[in-house]
Amino acid sequence: MKTVTKSTTIRFDEDVLNLIHKQAKLDGQTATDFMRRAILEKLEDSLDYRDAIRNIRAAHGQTSSREDVKKQLGL
């Protein structure tokens, strides 16, 4: 099944846009790909944070250390 994509417009000051283009070029990608990846990474981080908060609330604030988790898993 084909994914439908839509476009939007983002406005930047000229200096910022120049920095985006320079960084994208250094990374070997287009400015569009650079911005798309940055937005998707930010979205993923926000969703991860939301999930972490939800999990902490469900656990009533109780956490486990890395060592405890390794012991539970037999590692």
PDB file of N, CA and C in Angstrom:
ATOM      1  N   MET A   1       0.825  -1.170   0.000  1.00  0.00           N
ATOM      2  CA  MET A   1       0.000   0.000   0.000  1.00  0.00           C
ATOM      3  C   MET A   1       0.879   1.247   0.000  1.00  0.00           C
ATOM      4  N   LYS A   2       0.583   2.191  -0.835  1.00  0.00           N
ATOM      5  CA  LYS A   2       1.385   3.395  -0.970  1.00  0.00           C
ATOM      6  C   LYS A   2       1.066   4.394   0.142  1.00  0.00           C
ATOM      7  N   THR A   3       2.124   4.963   0.723  1.00  0.00           N
ATOM      8  CA  THR A   3       1.966   5.965   1.767  1.00  0.00           C
ATOM      9  C   THR A   3       1.701   7.321   1.134  1.00  0.00           C
ATOM     10  N   VAL A   4       0.719   8.006   1.645  1.00  0.00           N
ATOM     11  CA  VAL A   4       0.404   9.341   1.158  1.00  0.00           C
ATOM     12  C   VAL A   4       1.216  10.340   1.968  1.00  0.00           C
ATOM     13  N   THR A   5       1.913  11.224   1.295  1.00  0.00           N
ATOM     14  CA  THR A   5       2.673  12.263   1.982  1.00  0.00           C
ATOM     15  C   THR A   5       2.083  13.625   1.657  1.00  0.00           C
ATOM     16  N   LYS A   6       2.265  14.538   2.564  1.00  0.00           N
ATOM     17  CA  LYS A   6       1.814  15.912   2.370  1.00  0.00           C
ATOM     18  C   LYS A   6       2.979  16.833   2.673  1.00  0.00           C
ATOM     19  N   SER A   7       2.892  18.033   2.205  1.00  0.00           N
ATOM     20  CA  SER A   7       3.969  18.991   2.452  1.00  0.00           C
ATOM     21  C   SER A   7       3.469  20.114   3.342  1.00  0.00           C
ATOM     22  N   THR A   8       4.434  20.796   3.949  1.00  0.00           N
ATOM     23  CA  THR A   8       4.145  21.963   4.771  1.00  0.00           C
ATOM     24  C   THR A   8       5.262  22.973   4.562  1.00  0.00           C
ATOM     25  N   THR A   9       5.087  24.139   5.075  1.00  0.00           N
ATOM     26  CA  THR A   9       6.101  25.183   4.955  1.00  0.00           C
ATOM     27  C   THR A   9       6.611  25.550   6.336  1.00  0.00           C
ATOM     28  N   ILE A  10       7.929  25.652   6.458  1.00  0.00           N
ATOM     29  CA  ILE A  10       8.556  26.105   7.689  1.00  0.00           C
ATOM     30  C   ILE A  10       9.380  27.337   7.337  1.00  0.00           C
ATOM     31  N   ARG A  11       9.228  28.371   8.109  1.00  0.00           N
ATOM     32  CA  ARG A  11       9.964  29.601   7.843  1.00  0.00           C
ATOM     33  C   ARG A  11      11.103  29.738   8.848  1.00  0.00           C
ATOM     34  N   PHE A  12      12.296  30.039   8.316  1.00  0.00           N
ATOM     35  CA  PHE A  12      13.481  30.248   9.129  1.00  0.00           C
ATOM     36  C   PHE A  12      14.113  31.578   8.757  1.00  0.00           C
ATOM     37  N   ASP A  13      14.804  32.174   9.715  1.00  0.00           N
ATOM     38  CA  ASP A  13      15.643  33.322   9.381  1.00  0.00           C
ATOM     39  C   ASP A  13      16.701  32.839   8.404  1.00  0.00           C
ATOM     40  N   GLU A  14      17.194  33.733   7.582  1.00  0.00           N
ATOM     41  CA  GLU A  14      18.183  33.364   6.569  1.00  0.00           C
ATOM     42  C   GLU A  14      19.423  32.731   7.187  1.00  0.00           C
ATOM     43  N   ASP A  15      19.881  33.258   8.311  1.00  0.00           N
ATOM     44  CA  ASP A  15      21.075  32.712   8.958  1.00  0.00           C
ATOM     45  C   ASP A  15      20.853  31.261   9.397  1.00  0.00           C
ATOM     46  N   VAL A  16      19.694  30.997   9.957  1.00  0.00           N
ATOM     47  CA  VAL A  16      19.384  29.642  10.407  1.00  0.00           C
ATOM     48  C   VAL A  16      19.273  28.705   9.209  1.00  0.00           C
ATOM     49  N   LEU A  17      18.618  29.153   8.171  1.00  0.00           N
ATOM     50  CA  LEU A  17      18.472  28.328   6.978  1.00  0.00           C
ATOM     51  C   LEU A  17      19.834  28.015   6.356  1.00  0.00           C
ATOM     52  N   ASN A  18      20.725  28.980   6.366  1.00  0.00           N
ATOM     53  CA  ASN A  18      22.072  28.734   5.852  1.00  0.00           C
ATOM     54  C   ASN A  18      22.790  27.676   6.689  1.00  0.00           C
ATOM     55  N   LEU A  19      22.631  27.750   8.010  1.00  0.00           N
ATOM     56  CA  LEU A  19      23.235  26.738   8.880  1.00  0.00           C
ATOM     57  C   LEU A  19      22.659  25.352   8.606  1.00  0.00           C
ATOM     58  N   ILE A  20      21.365  25.277   8.388  1.00  0.00           N
ATOM     59  CA  ILE A  20      20.720  23.995   8.071  1.00  0.00           C
ATOM     60  C   ILE A  20      21.303  23.423   6.787  1.00  0.00           C
ATOM     61  N   HIS A  21      21.411  24.240   5.773  1.00  0.00           N
ATOM     62  CA  HIS A  21      21.958  23.774   4.487  1.00  0.00           C
ATOM     63  C   HIS A  21      23.413  23.335   4.631  1.00  0.00           C
ATOM     64  N   LYS A  22      24.207  24.097   5.372  1.00  0.00           N
ATOM     65  CA  LYS A  22      25.615  23.728   5.569  1.00  0.00           C
ATOM     66  C   LYS A  22      25.745  22.408   6.320  1.00  0.00           C
ATOM     67  N   GLN A  23      24.963  22.252   7.394  1.00  0.00           N
ATOM     68  CA  GLN A  23      25.042  21.022   8.175  1.00  0.00           C
ATOM     69  C   GLN A  23      24.553  19.826   7.361  1.00  0.00           C
ATOM     70  N   ALA A  24      23.481  20.010   6.619  1.00  0.00           N
ATOM     71  CA  ALA A  24      22.966  18.922   5.785  1.00  0.00           C
ATOM     72  C   ALA A  24      24.016  18.494   4.773  1.00  0.00           C
ATOM     73  N   LYS A  25      24.689  19.463   4.174  1.00  0.00           N
ATOM     74  CA  LYS A  25      25.733  19.146   3.196  1.00  0.00           C
ATOM     75  C   LYS A  25      26.876  18.376   3.853  1.00  0.00           C
ATOM     76  N   LEU A  26      27.278  18.820   5.049  1.00  0.00           N
ATOM     77  CA  LEU A  26      28.335  18.115   5.777  1.00  0.00           C
ATOM     78  C   LEU A  26      27.927  16.678   6.096  1.00  0.00           C
ATOM     79  N   ASP A  27      26.633  16.481   6.375  1.00  0.00           N
ATOM     80  CA  ASP A  27      26.114  15.152   6.702  1.00  0.00           C
ATOM     81  C   ASP A  27      25.818  14.322   5.457  1.00  0.00           C
ATOM     82  N   GLY A  28      25.979  14.927   4.268  1.00  0.00           N
ATOM     83  CA  GLY A  28      25.735  14.202   3.025  1.00  0.00           C
ATOM     84  C   GLY A  28      24.266  13.961   2.741  1.00  0.00           C
ATOM     85  N   GLN A  29      23.429  14.907   3.133  1.00  0.00           N
ATOM     86  CA  GLN A  29      22.002  14.764   2.882  1.00  0.00           C
ATOM     87  C   GLN A  29      21.417  16.096   2.435  1.00  0.00           C
ATOM     88  N   THR A  30      20.209  16.046   1.959  1.00  0.00           N
ATOM     89  CA  THR A  30      19.546  17.284   1.555  1.00  0.00           C
ATOM     90  C   THR A  30      19.048  18.007   2.798  1.00  0.00           C
ATOM     91  N   ALA A  31      18.794  19.292   2.639  1.00  0.00           N
ATOM     92  CA  ALA A  31      18.244  20.071   3.753  1.00  0.00           C
ATOM     93  C   ALA A  31      16.885  19.511   4.162  1.00  0.00           C
ATOM     94  N   THR A  32      16.103  19.080   3.195  1.00  0.00           N
ATOM     95  CA  THR A  32      14.793  18.493   3.494  1.00  0.00           C
ATOM     96  C   THR A  32      14.946  17.242   4.348  1.00  0.00           C
ATOM     97  N   ASP A  33      15.856  16.347   3.962  1.00  0.00           N
ATOM     98  CA  ASP A  33      16.085  15.137   4.753  1.00  0.00           C
ATOM     99  C   ASP A  33      16.603  15.474   6.146  1.00  0.00           C
ATOM    100  N   PHE A  34      17.483  16.460   6.235  1.00  0.00           N
ATOM    101  CA  PHE A  34      18.020  16.889   7.526  1.00  0.00           C
ATOM    102  C   PHE A  34      16.890  17.354   8.446  1.00  0.00           C
ATOM    103  N   MET A  35      16.020  18.208   7.926  1.00  0.00           N
ATOM    104  CA  MET A  35      14.911  18.727   8.731  1.00  0.00           C
ATOM    105  C   MET A  35      13.919  17.630   9.079  1.00  0.00           C
ATOM    106  N   ARG A  36      13.630  16.752   8.131  1.00  0.00           N
ATOM    107  CA  ARG A  36      12.693  15.651   8.384  1.00  0.00           C
ATOM    108  C   ARG A  36      13.222  14.765   9.506  1.00  0.00           C
ATOM    109  N   ARG A  37      14.506  14.409   9.434  1.00  0.00           N
ATOM    110  CA  ARG A  37      15.099  13.555  10.470  1.00  0.00           C
ATOM    111  C   ARG A  37      15.092  14.241  11.830  1.00  0.00           C
ATOM    112  N   ALA A  38      15.402  15.529  11.849  1.00  0.00           N
ATOM    113  CA  ALA A  38      15.416  16.269  13.116  1.00  0.00           C
ATOM    114  C   ALA A  38      14.024  16.289  13.742  1.00  0.00           C
ATOM    115  N   ILE A  39      13.014  16.493  12.935  1.00  0.00           N
ATOM    116  CA  ILE A  39      11.643  16.531  13.439  1.00  0.00           C
ATOM    117  C   ILE A  39      11.229  15.150  13.938  1.00  0.00           C
ATOM    118  N   LEU A  40      11.544  14.113  13.174  1.00  0.00           N
ATOM    119  CA  LEU A  40      11.176  12.759  13.582  1.00  0.00           C
ATOM    120  C   LEU A  40      11.894  12.340  14.864  1.00  0.00           C
ATOM    121  N   GLU A  41      13.165  12.728  15.010  1.00  0.00           N
ATOM    122  CA  GLU A  41      13.905  12.424  16.234  1.00  0.00           C
ATOM    123  C   GLU A  41      13.279  13.133  17.435  1.00  0.00           C
ATOM    124  N   LYS A  42      12.908  14.388  17.262  1.00  0.00           N
ATOM    125  CA  LYS A  42      12.260  15.147  18.335  1.00  0.00           C
ATOM    126  C   LYS A  42      10.930  14.506  18.705  1.00  0.00           C
ATOM    127  N   LEU A  43      10.151  14.108  17.724  1.00  0.00           N
ATOM    128  CA  LEU A  43       8.875  13.456  17.969  1.00  0.00           C
ATOM    129  C   LEU A  43       9.067  12.145  18.726  1.00  0.00           C
ATOM    130  N   GLU A  44      10.044  11.347  18.300  1.00  0.00           N
ATOM    131  CA  GLU A  44      10.330  10.079  18.967  1.00  0.00           C
ATOM    132  C   GLU A  44      10.759  10.310  20.412  1.00  0.00           C
ATOM    133  N   ASP A  45      11.605  11.310  20.643  1.00  0.00           N
ATOM    134  CA  ASP A  45      12.036  11.639  22.003  1.00  0.00           C
ATOM    135  C   ASP A  45      10.842  12.036  22.876  1.00  0.00           C
ATOM    136  N   SER A  46       9.945  12.832  22.322  1.00  0.00           N
ATOM    137  CA  SER A  46       8.768  13.269  23.073  1.00  0.00           C
ATOM    138  C   SER A  46       7.859  12.096  23.409  1.00  0.00           C
ATOM    139  N   LEU A  47       7.673  11.201  22.461  1.00  0.00           N
ATOM    140  CA  LEU A  47       6.843  10.018  22.710  1.00  0.00           C
ATOM    141  C   LEU A  47       7.495   9.100  23.735  1.00  0.00           C
ATOM    142  N   ASP A  48       8.820   8.937  23.658  1.00  0.00           N
ATOM    143  CA  ASP A  48       9.538   8.125  24.643  1.00  0.00           C
ATOM    144  C   ASP A  48       9.396   8.720  26.036  1.00  0.00           C
ATOM    145  N   TYR A  49       9.508  10.023  26.133  1.00  0.00           N
ATOM    146  CA  TYR A  49       9.377  10.699  27.423  1.00  0.00           C
ATOM    147  C   TYR A  49       7.978  10.494  27.990  1.00  0.00           C
ATOM    148  N   ARG A  50       6.976  10.665  27.136  1.00  0.00           N
ATOM    149  CA  ARG A  50       5.592  10.470  27.576  1.00  0.00           C
ATOM    150  C   ARG A  50       5.380   9.048  28.092  1.00  0.00           C
ATOM    151  N   ASP A  51       5.920   8.067  27.366  1.00  0.00           N
ATOM    152  CA  ASP A  51       5.796   6.666  27.790  1.00  0.00           C
ATOM    153  C   ASP A  51       6.522   6.416  29.106  1.00  0.00           C
ATOM    154  N   ALA A  52       7.686   7.025  29.269  1.00  0.00           N
ATOM    155  CA  ALA A  52       8.449   6.850  30.508  1.00  0.00           C
ATOM    156  C   ALA A  52       7.679   7.416  31.695  1.00  0.00           C
ATOM    157  N   ILE A  53       7.101   8.582  31.544  1.00  0.00           N
ATOM    158  CA  ILE A  53       6.318   9.185  32.620  1.00  0.00           C
ATOM    159  C   ILE A  53       5.123   8.300  32.960  1.00  0.00           C
ATOM    160  N   ARG A  54       4.456   7.790  31.939  1.00  0.00           N
ATOM    161  CA  ARG A  54       3.313   6.900  32.147  1.00  0.00           C
ATOM    162  C   ARG A  54       3.746   5.643  32.915  1.00  0.00           C
ATOM    163  N   ASN A  55       4.894   5.078  32.551  1.00  0.00           N
ATOM    164  CA  ASN A  55       5.393   3.875  33.225  1.00  0.00           C
ATOM    165  C   ASN A  55       5.791   4.152  34.670  1.00  0.00           C
ATOM    166  N   ILE A  56       6.406   5.288  34.918  1.00  0.00           N
ATOM    167  CA  ILE A  56       6.795   5.652  36.282  1.00  0.00           C
ATOM    168  C   ILE A  56       5.550   5.830  37.146  1.00  0.00           C
ATOM    169  N   ARG A  57       4.538   6.491  36.602  1.00  0.00           N
ATOM    170  CA  ARG A  57       3.299   6.668  37.365  1.00  0.00           C
ATOM    171  C   ARG A  57       2.642   5.323  37.647  1.00  0.00           C
ATOM    172  N   ALA A  58       2.649   4.426  36.667  1.00  0.00           N
ATOM    173  CA  ALA A  58       2.036   3.105  36.854  1.00  0.00           C
ATOM    174  C   ALA A  58       2.787   2.291  37.905  1.00  0.00           C
ATOM    175  N   ALA A  59       4.100   2.548  38.019  1.00  0.00           N
ATOM    176  CA  ALA A  59       4.918   1.826  39.001  1.00  0.00           C
ATOM    177  C   ALA A  59       4.953   2.560  40.343  1.00  0.00           C
ATOM    178  N   HIS A  60       4.140   3.623  40.461  1.00  0.00           N
ATOM    179  CA  HIS A  60       4.090   4.429  41.683  1.00  0.00           C
ATOM    180  C   HIS A  60       5.471   4.933  42.082  1.00  0.00           C
ATOM    181  N   GLY A  61       6.292   5.242  41.085  1.00  0.00           N
ATOM    182  CA  GLY A  61       7.611   5.818  41.336  1.00  0.00           C
ATOM    183  C   GLY A  61       8.693   4.828  41.661  1.00  0.00           C
ATOM    184  N   GLN A  62       8.346   3.548  41.777  1.00  0.00           N
ATOM    185  CA  GLN A  62       9.371   2.553  42.084  1.00  0.00           C
ATOM    186  C   GLN A  62      10.179   2.253  40.832  1.00  0.00           C
ATOM    187  N   THR A  63      11.481   2.200  40.994  1.00  0.00           N
ATOM    188  CA  THR A  63      12.373   1.905  39.874  1.00  0.00           C
ATOM    189  C   THR A  63      13.289   0.746  40.241  1.00  0.00           C
ATOM    190  N   SER A  64      13.954   0.197  39.247  1.00  0.00           N
ATOM    191  CA  SER A  64      14.926  -0.881  39.451  1.00  0.00           C
ATOM    192  C   SER A  64      16.253  -0.444  38.876  1.00  0.00           C
ATOM    193  N   SER A  65      17.316  -0.789  39.565  1.00  0.00           N
ATOM    194  CA  SER A  65      18.642  -0.464  39.051  1.00  0.00           C
ATOM    195  C   SER A  65      18.973  -1.394  37.881  1.00  0.00           C
ATOM    196  N   ARG A  66      19.951  -1.013  37.133  1.00  0.00           N
ATOM    197  CA  ARG A  66      20.404  -1.847  36.017  1.00  0.00           C
ATOM    198  C   ARG A  66      20.855  -3.215  36.528  1.00  0.00           C
ATOM    199  N   GLU A  67      21.569  -3.204  37.643  1.00  0.00           N
ATOM    200  CA  GLU A  67      22.059  -4.456  38.220  1.00  0.00           C
ATOM    201  C   GLU A  67      20.904  -5.364  38.643  1.00  0.00           C
ATOM    202  N   ASP A  68      19.855  -4.786  39.222  1.00  0.00           N
ATOM    203  CA  ASP A  68      18.683  -5.585  39.617  1.00  0.00           C
ATOM    204  C   ASP A  68      18.014  -6.216  38.401  1.00  0.00           C
ATOM    205  N   VAL A  69      17.895  -5.447  37.338  1.00  0.00           N
ATOM    206  CA  VAL A  69      17.281  -5.976  36.117  1.00  0.00           C
ATOM    207  C   VAL A  69      18.128  -7.099  35.537  1.00  0.00           C
ATOM    208  N   LYS A  70      19.437  -6.919  35.529  1.00  0.00           N
ATOM    209  CA  LYS A  70      20.329  -7.985  35.028  1.00  0.00           C
ATOM    210  C   LYS A  70      20.179  -9.250  35.852  1.00  0.00           C
ATOM    211  N   LYS A  71      20.090  -9.113  37.177  1.00  0.00           N
ATOM    212  CA  LYS A  71      19.900 -10.268  38.039  1.00  0.00           C
ATOM    213  C   LYS A  71      18.575 -10.973  37.743  1.00  0.00           C
ATOM    214  N   GLN A  72      17.519 -10.180  37.567  1.00  0.00           N
ATOM    215  CA  GLN A  72      16.201 -10.752  37.265  1.00  0.00           C
ATOM    216  C   GLN A  72      16.206 -11.523  35.950  1.00  0.00           C
ATOM    217  N   LEU A  73      17.010 -11.044  35.008  1.00  0.00           N
ATOM    218  CA  LEU A  73      17.090 -11.684  33.694  1.00  0.00           C
ATOM    219  C   LEU A  73      18.151 -12.779  33.643  1.00  0.00           C
ATOM    220  N   GLY A  74      18.886 -12.950  34.736  1.00  0.00           N
ATOM    221  CA  GLY A  74      19.924 -13.974  34.770  1.00  0.00           C
ATOM    222  C   GLY A  74      21.146 -13.628  33.952  1.00  0.00           C
ATOM    223  N   LEU A  75      21.430 -12.357  33.847  1.00  0.00           N
ATOM    224  CA  LEU A  75      22.591 -11.905  33.059  1.00  0.00           C
ATOM    225  C   LEU A  75      23.774 -11.575  33.938  1.00  0.00           C
TER     226      LEU A  75
END
